[in-house]
């Protein structure tokens, strides 16, 4: 299984935040943009989410 780093700001209390919190083991539709993250001298790609919804 592949793991990805993603973050969504100001998601608390929104439908997108609820979709993310309830997604354990479910498929999601995600919208966002890939940005470069330079944390502690290590460069990697990170997905900054704009929206999320269940794919069911």
PDB file of N, CA and C in Angstrom:
ATOM      1  N   UNK A   1       0.837  -1.178   0.000  1.00  0.00           N
ATOM      2  CA  UNK A   1       0.000   0.000   0.000  1.00  0.00           C
ATOM      3  C   UNK A   1       0.882   1.240   0.000  1.00  0.00           C
ATOM      4  N   UNK A   2       0.508   2.229  -0.785  1.00  0.00           N
ATOM      5  CA  UNK A   2       1.223   3.489  -0.823  1.00  0.00           C
ATOM      6  C   UNK A   2       0.635   4.452   0.190  1.00  0.00           C
ATOM      7  N   UNK A   3       1.468   5.285   0.759  1.00  0.00           N
ATOM      8  CA  UNK A   3       1.011   6.314   1.692  1.00  0.00           C
ATOM      9  C   UNK A   3       1.320   7.686   1.090  1.00  0.00           C
ATOM     10  N   UNK A   4       0.412   8.602   1.288  1.00  0.00           N
ATOM     11  CA  UNK A   4       0.567   9.957   0.772  1.00  0.00           C
ATOM     12  C   UNK A   4       0.396  10.942   1.912  1.00  0.00           C
ATOM     13  N   UNK A   5       1.082  12.067   1.831  1.00  0.00           N
ATOM     14  CA  UNK A   5       0.951  13.136   2.813  1.00  0.00           C
ATOM     15  C   UNK A   5      -0.015  14.165   2.248  1.00  0.00           C
ATOM     16  N   UNK A   6      -1.059  14.480   3.007  1.00  0.00           N
ATOM     17  CA  UNK A   6      -2.034  15.482   2.580  1.00  0.00           C
ATOM     18  C   UNK A   6      -2.472  16.282   3.794  1.00  0.00           C
ATOM     19  N   UNK A   7      -2.918  17.510   3.549  1.00  0.00           N
ATOM     20  CA  UNK A   7      -3.377  18.377   4.625  1.00  0.00           C
ATOM     21  C   UNK A   7      -4.542  19.217   4.099  1.00  0.00           C
ATOM     22  N   UNK A   8      -5.508  19.498   4.981  1.00  0.00           N
ATOM     23  CA  UNK A   8      -6.626  20.380   4.631  1.00  0.00           C
ATOM     24  C   UNK A   8      -6.804  21.365   5.763  1.00  0.00           C
ATOM     25  N   UNK A   9      -6.710  22.636   5.452  1.00  0.00           N
ATOM     26  CA  UNK A   9      -6.828  23.690   6.440  1.00  0.00           C
ATOM     27  C   UNK A   9      -8.282  24.139   6.568  1.00  0.00           C
ATOM     28  N   UNK A  10      -8.675  24.539   7.765  1.00  0.00           N
ATOM     29  CA  UNK A  10     -10.009  25.066   8.066  1.00  0.00           C
ATOM     30  C   UNK A  10     -11.123  24.113   7.659  1.00  0.00           C
ATOM     31  N   UNK A  11     -10.938  22.812   7.899  1.00  0.00           N
ATOM     32  CA  UNK A  11     -11.924  21.804   7.510  1.00  0.00           C
ATOM     33  C   UNK A  11     -12.907  21.471   8.630  1.00  0.00           C
ATOM     34  N   UNK A  12     -12.583  21.855   9.870  1.00  0.00           N
ATOM     35  CA  UNK A  12     -13.460  21.528  10.999  1.00  0.00           C
ATOM     36  C   UNK A  12     -14.846  22.136  10.793  1.00  0.00           C
ATOM     37  N   UNK A  13     -15.871  21.331  10.991  1.00  0.00           N
ATOM     38  CA  UNK A  13     -17.240  21.815  10.875  1.00  0.00           C
ATOM     39  C   UNK A  13     -17.753  21.936   9.456  1.00  0.00           C
ATOM     40  N   UNK A  14     -17.007  21.409   8.483  1.00  0.00           N
ATOM     41  CA  UNK A  14     -17.448  21.478   7.086  1.00  0.00           C
ATOM     42  C   UNK A  14     -17.806  20.075   6.589  1.00  0.00           C
ATOM     43  N   UNK A  15     -18.535  20.024   5.486  1.00  0.00           N
ATOM     44  CA  UNK A  15     -18.880  18.729   4.883  1.00  0.00           C
ATOM     45  C   UNK A  15     -17.620  17.989   4.447  1.00  0.00           C
ATOM     46  N   UNK A  16     -16.625  18.716   3.937  1.00  0.00           N
ATOM     47  CA  UNK A  16     -15.373  18.079   3.523  1.00  0.00           C
ATOM     48  C   UNK A  16     -14.654  17.487   4.732  1.00  0.00           C
ATOM     49  N   UNK A  17     -14.633  18.214   5.844  1.00  0.00           N
ATOM     50  CA  UNK A  17     -14.002  17.707   7.062  1.00  0.00           C
ATOM     51  C   UNK A  17     -14.705  16.462   7.570  1.00  0.00           C
ATOM     52  N   UNK A  18     -16.027  16.458   7.535  1.00  0.00           N
ATOM     53  CA  UNK A  18     -16.796  15.283   7.959  1.00  0.00           C
ATOM     54  C   UNK A  18     -16.518  14.090   7.050  1.00  0.00           C
ATOM     55  N   UNK A  19     -16.379  14.337   5.745  1.00  0.00           N
ATOM     56  CA  UNK A  19     -16.071  13.251   4.806  1.00  0.00           C
ATOM     57  C   UNK A  19     -14.711  12.645   5.126  1.00  0.00           C
ATOM     58  N   UNK A  20     -13.732  13.491   5.437  1.00  0.00           N
ATOM     59  CA  UNK A  20     -12.392  12.989   5.763  1.00  0.00           C
ATOM     60  C   UNK A  20     -12.402  12.202   7.067  1.00  0.00           C
ATOM     61  N   UNK A  21     -13.086  12.715   8.072  1.00  0.00           N
ATOM     62  CA  UNK A  21     -13.122  12.032   9.367  1.00  0.00           C
ATOM     63  C   UNK A  21     -13.849  10.688   9.295  1.00  0.00           C
ATOM     64  N   UNK A  22     -14.853  10.584   8.448  1.00  0.00           N
ATOM     65  CA  UNK A  22     -15.626   9.346   8.348  1.00  0.00           C
ATOM     66  C   UNK A  22     -15.177   8.412   7.241  1.00  0.00           C
ATOM     67  N   UNK A  23     -14.004   8.642   6.682  1.00  0.00           N
ATOM     68  CA  UNK A  23     -13.583   7.920   5.484  1.00  0.00           C
ATOM     69  C   UNK A  23     -12.824   6.633   5.746  1.00  0.00           C
ATOM     70  N   UNK A  24     -12.628   6.247   6.964  1.00  0.00           N
ATOM     71  CA  UNK A  24     -11.796   5.073   7.282  1.00  0.00           C
ATOM     72  C   UNK A  24     -12.196   3.872   6.425  1.00  0.00           C
ATOM     73  N   UNK A  25     -11.303   3.488   5.494  1.00  0.00           N
ATOM     74  CA  UNK A  25     -11.540   2.335   4.638  1.00  0.00           C
ATOM     75  C   UNK A  25     -12.439   2.595   3.444  1.00  0.00           C
ATOM     76  N   UNK A  26     -12.896   3.825   3.258  1.00  0.00           N
ATOM     77  CA  UNK A  26     -13.774   4.164   2.128  1.00  0.00           C
ATOM     78  C   UNK A  26     -13.006   4.959   1.081  1.00  0.00           C
ATOM     79  N   UNK A  27     -13.517   4.937  -0.119  1.00  0.00           N
ATOM     80  CA  UNK A  27     -12.923   5.729  -1.197  1.00  0.00           C
ATOM     81  C   UNK A  27     -13.444   7.155  -1.132  1.00  0.00           C
ATOM     82  N   UNK A  28     -12.571   8.090  -1.517  1.00  0.00           N
ATOM     83  CA  UNK A  28     -12.914   9.512  -1.510  1.00  0.00           C
ATOM     84  C   UNK A  28     -12.599  10.146  -2.858  1.00  0.00           C
ATOM     85  N   UNK A  29     -13.343  11.180  -3.187  1.00  0.00           N
ATOM     86  CA  UNK A  29     -12.981  12.087  -4.275  1.00  0.00           C
ATOM     87  C   UNK A  29     -12.282  13.261  -3.601  1.00  0.00           C
ATOM     88  N   UNK A  30     -11.065  13.586  -4.056  1.00  0.00           N
ATOM     89  CA  UNK A  30     -10.286  14.670  -3.465  1.00  0.00           C
ATOM     90  C   UNK A  30      -9.948  15.699  -4.532  1.00  0.00           C
ATOM     91  N   UNK A  31      -9.982  16.963  -4.143  1.00  0.00           N
ATOM     92  CA  UNK A  31      -9.576  18.054  -5.036  1.00  0.00           C
ATOM     93  C   UNK A  31      -8.553  18.891  -4.286  1.00  0.00           C
ATOM     94  N   UNK A  32      -7.475  19.209  -4.946  1.00  0.00           N
ATOM     95  CA  UNK A  32      -6.439  20.005  -4.302  1.00  0.00           C
ATOM     96  C   UNK A  32      -5.296  20.265  -5.247  1.00  0.00           C
ATOM     97  N   UNK A  33      -4.169  20.645  -4.665  1.00  0.00           N
ATOM     98  CA  UNK A  33      -2.992  20.935  -5.467  1.00  0.00           C
ATOM     99  C   UNK A  33      -1.758  20.356  -4.782  1.00  0.00           C
ATOM    100  N   UNK A  34      -0.822  19.939  -5.578  1.00  0.00           N
ATOM    101  CA  UNK A  34       0.429  19.383  -5.068  1.00  0.00           C
ATOM    102  C   UNK A  34       1.410  20.540  -4.870  1.00  0.00           C
ATOM    103  N   UNK A  35       1.989  20.609  -3.682  1.00  0.00           N
ATOM    104  CA  UNK A  35       2.974  21.647  -3.373  1.00  0.00           C
ATOM    105  C   UNK A  35       4.246  20.993  -2.846  1.00  0.00           C
ATOM    106  N   UNK A  36       5.332  21.696  -2.970  1.00  0.00           N
ATOM    107  CA  UNK A  36       6.611  21.220  -2.433  1.00  0.00           C
ATOM    108  C   UNK A  36       6.668  21.548  -0.950  1.00  0.00           C
ATOM    109  N   UNK A  37       6.993  20.560  -0.139  1.00  0.00           N
ATOM    110  CA  UNK A  37       7.114  20.723   1.303  1.00  0.00           C
ATOM    111  C   UNK A  37       8.571  20.516   1.687  1.00  0.00           C
ATOM    112  N   UNK A  38       9.203  21.556   2.221  1.00  0.00           N
ATOM    113  CA  UNK A  38      10.603  21.479   2.656  1.00  0.00           C
ATOM    114  C   UNK A  38      10.647  21.503   4.181  1.00  0.00           C
ATOM    115  N   UNK A  39      10.341  20.390   4.799  1.00  0.00           N
ATOM    116  CA  UNK A  39      10.319  20.289   6.253  1.00  0.00           C
ATOM    117  C   UNK A  39      11.612  19.656   6.739  1.00  0.00           C
ATOM    118  N   UNK A  40      12.300  20.322   7.625  1.00  0.00           N
ATOM    119  CA  UNK A  40      13.549  19.846   8.215  1.00  0.00           C
ATOM    120  C   UNK A  40      14.581  19.450   7.160  1.00  0.00           C
ATOM    121  N   UNK A  41      14.673  20.266   6.113  1.00  0.00           N
ATOM    122  CA  UNK A  41      15.667  20.047   5.082  1.00  0.00           C
ATOM    123  C   UNK A  41      15.368  18.911   4.116  1.00  0.00           C
ATOM    124  N   UNK A  42      14.175  18.341   4.213  1.00  0.00           N
ATOM    125  CA  UNK A  42      13.793  17.225   3.342  1.00  0.00           C
ATOM    126  C   UNK A  42      12.676  17.683   2.406  1.00  0.00           C
ATOM    127  N   UNK A  43      12.903  17.625   1.110  1.00  0.00           N
ATOM    128  CA  UNK A  43      11.905  18.047   0.127  1.00  0.00           C
ATOM    129  C   UNK A  43      11.020  16.856  -0.232  1.00  0.00           C
ATOM    130  N   UNK A  44       9.711  17.101  -0.276  1.00  0.00           N
ATOM    131  CA  UNK A  44       8.765  16.067  -0.697  1.00  0.00           C
ATOM    132  C   UNK A  44       7.500  16.740  -1.215  1.00  0.00           C
ATOM    133  N   UNK A  45       6.689  15.980  -1.909  1.00  0.00           N
ATOM    134  CA  UNK A  45       5.422  16.487  -2.427  1.00  0.00           C
ATOM    135  C   UNK A  45       4.338  16.289  -1.373  1.00  0.00           C
ATOM    136  N   UNK A  46       3.464  17.273  -1.244  1.00  0.00           N
ATOM    137  CA  UNK A  46       2.359  17.205  -0.290  1.00  0.00           C
ATOM    138  C   UNK A  46       1.098  17.698  -0.998  1.00  0.00           C
ATOM    139  N   UNK A  47      -0.017  17.051  -0.751  1.00  0.00           N
ATOM    140  CA  UNK A  47      -1.282  17.446  -1.351  1.00  0.00           C
ATOM    141  C   UNK A  47      -2.018  18.366  -0.397  1.00  0.00           C
ATOM    142  N   UNK A  48      -2.297  19.588  -0.827  1.00  0.00           N
ATOM    143  CA  UNK A  48      -3.104  20.530  -0.050  1.00  0.00           C
ATOM    144  C   UNK A  48      -4.528  20.434  -0.568  1.00  0.00           C
ATOM    145  N   UNK A  49      -5.402  19.873   0.252  1.00  0.00           N
ATOM    146  CA  UNK A  49      -6.778  19.603  -0.167  1.00  0.00           C
ATOM    147  C   UNK A  49      -7.635  20.859  -0.130  1.00  0.00           C
ATOM    148  N   UNK A  50      -8.471  21.003  -1.143  1.00  0.00           N
ATOM    149  CA  UNK A  50      -9.467  22.071  -1.206  1.00  0.00           C
ATOM    150  C   UNK A  50     -10.855  21.527  -0.920  1.00  0.00           C
ATOM    151  N   UNK A  51     -11.098  20.247  -1.261  1.00  0.00           N
ATOM    152  CA  UNK A  51     -12.419  19.656  -1.070  1.00  0.00           C
ATOM    153  C   UNK A  51     -12.289  18.139  -1.012  1.00  0.00           C
ATOM    154  N   UNK A  52     -13.254  17.518  -0.341  1.00  0.00           N
ATOM    155  CA  UNK A  52     -13.284  16.063  -0.227  1.00  0.00           C
ATOM    156  C   UNK A  52     -14.743  15.621  -0.119  1.00  0.00           C
ATOM    157  N   UNK A  53     -15.038  14.469  -0.721  1.00  0.00           N
ATOM    158  CA  UNK A  53     -16.390  13.909  -0.649  1.00  0.00           C
ATOM    159  C   UNK A  53     -16.294  12.395  -0.779  1.00  0.00           C
ATOM    160  N   UNK A  54     -17.236  11.702  -0.173  1.00  0.00           N
ATOM    161  CA  UNK A  54     -17.279  10.258  -0.303  1.00  0.00           C
ATOM    162  C   UNK A  54     -17.539   9.869  -1.748  1.00  0.00           C
ATOM    163  N   UNK A  55     -16.921   8.788  -2.201  1.00  0.00           N
ATOM    164  CA  UNK A  55     -17.068   8.334  -3.576  1.00  0.00           C
ATOM    165  C   UNK A  55     -18.174   7.300  -3.715  1.00  0.00           C
ATOM    166  N   UNK A  56     -18.831   6.969  -2.624  1.00  0.00           N
ATOM    167  CA  UNK A  56     -19.890   5.953  -2.643  1.00  0.00           C
ATOM    168  C   UNK A  56     -21.138   6.454  -3.342  1.00  0.00           C
TER     169      UNK A  56
END
